[in-house]
């Protein structure tokens, strides 16, 4: 039971973030800060100094791993702060599993959206352009920019929320 308790604020924060990111494409600070504080409080109350250390390391890991993506504008600041809040709730080890699952979930969501919008061929061309630019040590052209108005954007907060909820349910029923 003690190991499951930190998942409660994580799941609640993730559900709120997923709904707001889906609806408004924005995750507000009040939600991420509340999740961060709740994660630190729950872990400290349950596990003492070791829980506090784990929560702070998880928050730092979530913020540190995703900061480069925020700096190159491929990820929003709300998604970044959500990862920090979830890290405070779950700790570093479980956060890594959640982030790996989130990447998989975001990839599935992106594939569905690309197929749905009929942009599969253009997306494959863009991937070829990016790989060619990478291997020739140059920047890709503006046609594959993330800032392009035509680029399809996936709400990463929704992918993270779905992953946390799935992991949380798996933990609650004893399958993970």
Protein backbone atom coordinates (compact mmCIF):
# COMPACT_ATOMS: atom_id res chain seq x y z
CA UNK A 1 0.00 0.00 0.00
CA UNK A 2 2.83 2.42 0.85
CA UNK A 3 4.39 1.94 -2.57
CA UNK A 4 1.09 2.72 -4.31
CA UNK A 5 0.26 5.91 -2.38
CA UNK A 6 2.58 8.24 -4.38
CA UNK A 7 0.72 7.21 -7.53
CA UNK A 8 -2.47 8.89 -6.25
CA UNK A 9 -1.23 12.50 -6.65
CA UNK A 10 0.57 11.49 -9.85
CA UNK A 11 -2.60 10.08 -11.42
CA UNK A 12 -4.73 13.03 -10.27
CA UNK A 13 -2.20 15.56 -11.59
CA UNK A 14 -1.84 13.65 -14.86
CA UNK A 15 -5.60 13.43 -15.43
CA UNK A 16 -5.99 17.17 -14.86
CA UNK A 17 -3.05 17.95 -17.14
CA UNK A 18 -4.29 15.59 -19.84
CA UNK A 19 -7.75 17.14 -19.90
CA UNK A 20 -6.42 20.71 -19.95
CA UNK A 21 -3.75 19.93 -22.55
CA UNK A 22 -6.31 18.22 -24.78
CA UNK A 23 -8.85 21.00 -24.47
CA UNK A 24 -6.69 24.16 -24.31
CA UNK A 25 -3.21 22.93 -25.37
CA UNK A 26 -1.95 24.37 -22.11
CA UNK A 27 -0.99 22.95 -18.70
CA UNK A 28 -1.27 25.66 -16.03
CA UNK A 29 1.31 26.36 -13.35
CA UNK A 30 -1.21 25.94 -10.52
CA UNK A 31 -1.62 22.29 -11.52
CA UNK A 32 2.06 21.44 -11.95
CA UNK A 33 3.11 23.26 -8.77
CA UNK A 34 0.32 21.52 -6.84
CA UNK A 35 1.46 18.15 -8.20
CA UNK A 36 5.06 18.92 -7.26
CA UNK A 37 4.14 19.93 -3.71
CA UNK A 38 1.80 16.94 -3.29
CA UNK A 39 4.48 14.54 -4.54
CA UNK A 40 7.09 15.93 -2.18
CA UNK A 41 4.63 15.95 0.75
CA UNK A 42 3.35 12.40 0.20
CA UNK A 43 6.83 10.92 -0.25
CA UNK A 44 8.21 12.79 2.75
CA UNK A 45 5.26 11.79 4.96
CA UNK A 46 5.49 8.13 3.97
CA UNK A 47 9.24 7.59 3.70
CA UNK A 48 10.86 10.43 5.68
CA UNK A 49 14.16 11.88 4.50
CA UNK A 50 14.63 9.12 1.94
CA UNK A 51 11.23 9.98 0.45
CA UNK A 52 12.10 13.66 0.30
CA UNK A 53 15.39 12.86 -1.42
CA UNK A 54 13.68 10.56 -3.93
CA UNK A 55 10.97 13.14 -4.70
CA UNK A 56 13.51 15.92 -5.24
CA UNK A 57 15.70 13.68 -7.41
CA UNK A 58 12.66 12.64 -9.45
CA UNK A 59 11.62 16.27 -9.98
CA UNK A 60 15.16 17.26 -10.95
CA UNK A 61 15.44 14.32 -13.34
CA UNK A 62 12.14 15.12 -15.04
CA UNK A 63 13.06 18.77 -15.43
CA UNK A 64 16.63 18.02 -16.47
CA UNK A 65 15.84 15.39 -19.09
CA UNK A 66 13.20 17.45 -20.87
CA UNK A 67 14.84 20.89 -20.63
CA UNK A 68 16.75 20.54 -23.94
CA UNK A 69 13.46 19.85 -25.74
CA UNK A 70 11.90 22.98 -24.23
CA UNK A 71 14.92 25.04 -25.27
CA UNK A 72 14.64 23.94 -28.91
CA UNK A 73 10.89 24.56 -28.74
CA UNK A 74 9.84 21.00 -29.49
CA UNK A 75 8.11 20.70 -26.10
CA UNK A 76 6.02 23.16 -24.17
CA UNK A 77 6.96 24.50 -20.75
CA UNK A 78 3.78 23.01 -19.24
CA UNK A 79 4.79 19.53 -20.40
CA UNK A 80 8.24 20.12 -18.93
CA UNK A 81 6.85 21.21 -15.56
CA UNK A 82 4.43 18.26 -15.60
CA UNK A 83 7.39 15.89 -15.91
CA UNK A 84 8.96 17.57 -12.87
CA UNK A 85 5.75 17.24 -10.86
CA UNK A 86 5.35 13.59 -11.81
CA UNK A 87 9.00 13.00 -10.93
CA UNK A 88 8.31 14.41 -7.45
CA UNK A 89 5.39 12.01 -7.06
CA UNK A 90 6.96 8.89 -8.52
CA UNK A 91 10.68 9.27 -7.93
CA UNK A 92 13.43 8.89 -10.48
CA UNK A 93 13.16 5.17 -11.21
CA UNK A 94 9.44 5.12 -11.93
CA UNK A 95 9.65 8.43 -13.80
CA UNK A 96 12.05 6.87 -16.31
CA UNK A 97 9.52 4.10 -17.01
CA UNK A 98 6.73 6.68 -17.38
CA UNK A 99 8.79 8.82 -19.77
CA UNK A 100 9.68 5.80 -21.92
CA UNK A 101 6.00 4.84 -22.03
CA UNK A 102 5.10 8.45 -22.84
CA UNK A 103 7.46 8.49 -25.81
CA UNK A 104 5.84 5.30 -27.10
CA UNK A 105 2.34 6.72 -26.51
CA UNK A 106 3.21 10.01 -28.25
CA UNK A 107 4.59 8.07 -31.20
CA UNK A 108 1.39 6.06 -31.51
CA UNK A 109 -0.68 9.24 -31.25
CA UNK A 110 1.48 10.94 -33.90
CA UNK A 111 1.15 8.00 -36.29
CA UNK A 112 -2.63 7.98 -35.89
CA UNK A 113 -2.85 11.75 -36.51
CA UNK A 114 -0.54 11.63 -39.54
CA UNK A 115 -2.57 8.82 -41.10
CA UNK A 116 -5.86 10.51 -40.17
CA UNK A 117 -4.81 13.78 -41.84
CA UNK A 118 -3.49 12.02 -44.93
CA UNK A 119 0.08 13.27 -44.40
CA UNK A 120 1.95 9.98 -44.19
CA UNK A 121 3.93 10.43 -47.44
CA UNK A 122 4.91 14.03 -46.56
CA UNK A 123 5.95 12.92 -43.07
CA UNK A 124 8.14 10.15 -44.49
CA UNK A 125 9.75 12.69 -46.86
CA UNK A 126 10.43 15.01 -43.93
CA UNK A 127 12.07 12.17 -42.00
CA UNK A 128 14.34 11.46 -44.98
CA UNK A 129 15.26 15.19 -45.18
CA UNK A 130 16.04 15.29 -41.46
CA UNK A 131 18.17 12.14 -41.60
CA UNK A 132 20.05 13.42 -44.64
CA UNK A 133 20.71 16.73 -42.89
CA UNK A 134 21.85 14.92 -39.74
CA UNK A 135 24.31 12.67 -41.57
CA UNK A 136 25.67 15.55 -43.64
CA UNK A 137 26.09 17.64 -40.46
CA UNK A 138 23.82 20.48 -41.56
CA UNK A 139 20.47 21.88 -40.48
CA UNK A 140 17.37 20.64 -42.33
CA UNK A 141 15.46 23.10 -44.48
CA UNK A 142 12.59 25.22 -43.21
CA UNK A 143 10.07 22.80 -44.70
CA UNK A 144 10.63 20.42 -41.79
CA UNK A 145 10.69 23.04 -39.03
CA UNK A 146 8.66 22.46 -35.88
CA UNK A 147 7.58 26.09 -36.12
CA UNK A 148 5.89 25.50 -39.46
CA UNK A 149 2.19 26.31 -39.44
CA UNK A 150 1.57 23.08 -41.34
CA UNK A 151 3.32 20.83 -38.83
CA UNK A 152 1.08 18.54 -36.83
CA UNK A 153 1.57 18.88 -33.10
CA UNK A 154 0.83 16.15 -30.58
CA UNK A 155 -0.19 17.18 -27.04
CA UNK A 156 2.64 15.57 -25.07
CA UNK A 157 0.78 16.19 -21.80
CA UNK A 158 -2.03 13.95 -23.04
CA UNK A 159 0.45 11.20 -23.88
CA UNK A 160 2.06 11.56 -20.45
CA UNK A 161 -1.34 11.52 -18.75
CA UNK A 162 -2.46 8.37 -20.58
CA UNK A 163 0.80 6.65 -19.67
CA UNK A 164 0.58 7.60 -15.98
CA UNK A 165 -3.05 6.47 -15.78
CA UNK A 166 -2.24 3.14 -17.46
CA UNK A 167 0.76 2.56 -15.16
CA UNK A 168 -1.29 3.65 -12.13
CA UNK A 169 -4.12 1.26 -12.96
CA UNK A 170 -1.58 -1.51 -13.59
CA UNK A 171 -0.02 -0.88 -10.19
CA UNK A 172 -3.42 -0.75 -8.46
CA UNK A 173 -4.50 -4.12 -9.85
CA UNK A 174 -1.10 -5.66 -9.20
CA UNK A 175 -0.01 -6.19 -12.80
CA UNK A 176 3.00 -3.81 -12.71
